[in-house]
Amino acid sequence: MRFTTINTGVAQLVEHWSPKPGVGSSSLSSRAKIIENMKIKEYFKDAYTELMHKVTWPTWTELQNSAVLVMVTSLIFALIIAGIDFVFSRAMEFIYGLLY
């Protein structure tokens, strides 16, 4: 009995077809077909609808509170990093002072 090997590409080996009817594959060609069928006008219409009706926008007070929180956190991190930098620079000056 003689076995022959078929040279298949990597893409063919990893491509998965679902045994369930109606379930698409995850291959690039099927995604390209979906994008090909999508019209640009419908895309912008759907994006607008989602932004206006499905997205929850923060109130002005929530936005201000979040901005203050970000500024305070950034200031704390900056002070911590400045402190670490100061300590390391003094330690390196001390070590170099001993060596030279």
C-alpha atoms as a PDB file:
ATOM      1  CA  MET A   1       0.000   0.000   0.000  1.00  0.00           C
ATOM      2  CA  ARG A   2       1.395   3.357  -1.003  1.00  0.00           C
ATOM      3  CA  PHE A   3       0.629   6.626   0.792  1.00  0.00           C
ATOM      4  CA  THR A   4       0.893   9.920  -0.946  1.00  0.00           C
ATOM      5  CA  THR A   5       1.022  13.238   0.803  1.00  0.00           C
ATOM      6  CA  ILE A   6      -0.906  16.214  -0.390  1.00  0.00           C
ATOM      7  CA  ASN A   7       0.850  19.534  -0.006  1.00  0.00           C
ATOM      8  CA  THR A   8      -1.675  21.835   1.631  1.00  0.00           C
ATOM      9  CA  GLY A   9      -0.956  25.350   2.752  1.00  0.00           C
ATOM     10  CA  VAL A  10      -1.046  26.446   6.368  1.00  0.00           C
ATOM     11  CA  ALA A  11      -4.202  28.470   5.791  1.00  0.00           C
ATOM     12  CA  GLN A  12      -6.018  25.352   4.659  1.00  0.00           C
ATOM     13  CA  LEU A  13      -4.867  23.421   7.698  1.00  0.00           C
ATOM     14  CA  VAL A  14      -6.065  25.968  10.245  1.00  0.00           C
ATOM     15  CA  GLU A  15      -9.298  26.949   8.520  1.00  0.00           C
ATOM     16  CA  HIS A  16     -12.262  25.621  10.459  1.00  0.00           C
ATOM     17  CA  TRP A  17     -15.668  24.968   9.011  1.00  0.00           C
ATOM     18  CA  SER A  18     -18.476  24.569  11.503  1.00  0.00           C
ATOM     19  CA  PRO A  19     -20.645  21.461  11.111  1.00  0.00           C
ATOM     20  CA  LYS A  20     -23.649  23.547  12.148  1.00  0.00           C
ATOM     21  CA  PRO A  21     -25.624  24.996   9.268  1.00  0.00           C
ATOM     22  CA  GLY A  22     -25.801  28.753   9.164  1.00  0.00           C
ATOM     23  CA  VAL A  23     -22.629  29.287  11.171  1.00  0.00           C
ATOM     24  CA  GLY A  24     -19.952  31.057   9.167  1.00  0.00           C
ATOM     25  CA  SER A  25     -16.293  30.287   9.324  1.00  0.00           C
ATOM     26  CA  SER A  26     -13.687  32.568  10.793  1.00  0.00           C
ATOM     27  CA  SER A  27     -11.735  32.754   7.564  1.00  0.00           C
ATOM     28  CA  LEU A  28     -10.696  36.059   6.083  1.00  0.00           C
ATOM     29  CA  SER A  29     -12.586  35.411   2.873  1.00  0.00           C
ATOM     30  CA  SER A  30     -15.952  35.198   4.647  1.00  0.00           C
ATOM     31  CA  ARG A  31     -15.213  38.406   6.595  1.00  0.00           C
ATOM     32  CA  ALA A  32     -14.209  40.135   3.367  1.00  0.00           C
ATOM     33  CA  LYS A  33     -17.554  39.203   1.834  1.00  0.00           C
ATOM     34  CA  ILE A  34     -19.401  40.714   4.799  1.00  0.00           C
ATOM     35  CA  ILE A  35     -17.408  43.943   4.519  1.00  0.00           C
ATOM     36  CA  GLU A  36     -17.917  43.938   0.757  1.00  0.00           C
ATOM     37  CA  ASN A  37     -21.683  43.791   1.221  1.00  0.00           C
ATOM     38  CA  MET A  38     -21.758  46.579   3.810  1.00  0.00           C
ATOM     39  CA  LYS A  39     -22.625  49.950   2.375  1.00  0.00           C
ATOM     40  CA  ILE A  40     -20.822  52.994   3.700  1.00  0.00           C
ATOM     41  CA  LYS A  41     -24.048  54.965   4.138  1.00  0.00           C
ATOM     42  CA  GLU A  42     -25.550  52.233   6.305  1.00  0.00           C
ATOM     43  CA  TYR A  43     -22.363  52.089   8.358  1.00  0.00           C
ATOM     44  CA  PHE A  44     -22.488  55.796   9.224  1.00  0.00           C
ATOM     45  CA  LYS A  45     -26.228  55.607   9.888  1.00  0.00           C
ATOM     46  CA  ASP A  46     -25.727  52.709  12.315  1.00  0.00           C
ATOM     47  CA  ALA A  47     -22.792  54.466  13.978  1.00  0.00           C
ATOM     48  CA  TYR A  48     -24.876  57.622  14.477  1.00  0.00           C
ATOM     49  CA  THR A  49     -27.810  55.618  15.865  1.00  0.00           C
ATOM     50  CA  GLU A  50     -25.544  53.808  18.310  1.00  0.00           C
ATOM     51  CA  LEU A  51     -23.881  57.022  19.498  1.00  0.00           C
ATOM     52  CA  MET A  52     -27.174  58.816  20.006  1.00  0.00           C
ATOM     53  CA  HIS A  53     -29.363  56.041  21.440  1.00  0.00           C
ATOM     54  CA  LYS A  54     -27.190  53.293  22.914  1.00  0.00           C
ATOM     55  CA  VAL A  55     -24.185  55.087  24.416  1.00  0.00           C
ATOM     56  CA  THR A  56     -24.566  56.411  27.944  1.00  0.00           C
ATOM     57  CA  TRP A  57     -22.850  59.787  28.127  1.00  0.00           C
ATOM     58  CA  PRO A  58     -21.631  61.109  31.500  1.00  0.00           C
ATOM     59  CA  THR A  59     -23.215  64.152  33.057  1.00  0.00           C
ATOM     60  CA  TRP A  60     -21.212  67.362  33.430  1.00  0.00           C
ATOM     61  CA  THR A  61     -20.653  66.652  37.142  1.00  0.00           C
ATOM     62  CA  GLU A  62     -19.458  63.090  36.468  1.00  0.00           C
ATOM     63  CA  LEU A  63     -17.105  64.415  33.791  1.00  0.00           C
ATOM     64  CA  GLN A  64     -15.641  67.017  36.162  1.00  0.00           C
ATOM     65  CA  ASN A  65     -15.211  64.442  38.936  1.00  0.00           C
ATOM     66  CA  SER A  66     -13.434  62.069  36.563  1.00  0.00           C
ATOM     67  CA  ALA A  67     -11.135  64.849  35.334  1.00  0.00           C
ATOM     68  CA  VAL A  68     -10.197  65.812  38.904  1.00  0.00           C
ATOM     69  CA  LEU A  69      -9.551  62.161  39.750  1.00  0.00           C
ATOM     70  CA  VAL A  70      -7.237  61.779  36.751  1.00  0.00           C
ATOM     71  CA  MET A  71      -5.335  64.976  37.621  1.00  0.00           C
ATOM     72  CA  VAL A  72      -4.870  63.993  41.281  1.00  0.00           C
ATOM     73  CA  THR A  73      -3.762  60.462  40.355  1.00  0.00           C
ATOM     74  CA  SER A  74      -1.306  61.839  37.784  1.00  0.00           C
ATOM     75  CA  LEU A  75       0.114  64.251  40.358  1.00  0.00           C
ATOM     76  CA  ILE A  76       0.564  61.453  42.907  1.00  0.00           C
ATOM     77  CA  PHE A  77       2.366  59.252  40.354  1.00  0.00           C
ATOM     78  CA  ALA A  78       4.557  62.179  39.277  1.00  0.00           C
ATOM     79  CA  LEU A  79       5.549  62.868  42.904  1.00  0.00           C
ATOM     80  CA  ILE A  80       6.329  59.183  43.513  1.00  0.00           C
ATOM     81  CA  ILE A  81       8.497  58.975  40.388  1.00  0.00           C
ATOM     82  CA  ALA A  82      10.246  62.264  41.273  1.00  0.00           C
ATOM     83  CA  GLY A  83      10.980  60.890  44.753  1.00  0.00           C
ATOM     84  CA  ILE A  84      12.390  57.648  43.358  1.00  0.00           C
ATOM     85  CA  ASP A  85      14.504  59.630  40.875  1.00  0.00           C
ATOM     86  CA  PHE A  86      15.837  61.861  43.663  1.00  0.00           C
ATOM     87  CA  VAL A  87      16.747  58.874  45.875  1.00  0.00           C
ATOM     88  CA  PHE A  88      18.481  57.015  43.041  1.00  0.00           C
ATOM     89  CA  SER A  89      20.406  60.098  41.905  1.00  0.00           C
ATOM     90  CA  ARG A  90      21.670  60.712  45.477  1.00  0.00           C
ATOM     91  CA  ALA A  91      22.586  57.024  45.816  1.00  0.00           C
ATOM     92  CA  MET A  92      24.517  57.078  42.522  1.00  0.00           C
ATOM     93  CA  GLU A  93      26.321  60.310  43.512  1.00  0.00           C
ATOM     94  CA  PHE A  94      27.325  58.658  46.796  1.00  0.00           C
ATOM     95  CA  ILE A  95      28.565  55.493  45.039  1.00  0.00           C
ATOM     96  CA  TYR A  96      30.483  57.479  42.409  1.00  0.00           C
ATOM     97  CA  GLY A  97      31.934  59.640  45.185  1.00  0.00           C
ATOM     98  CA  LEU A  98      33.361  56.527  46.827  1.00  0.00           C
ATOM     99  CA  LEU A  99      34.846  55.198  43.603  1.00  0.00           C
ATOM    100  CA  TYR A 100      36.446  58.417  42.288  1.00  0.00           C
END
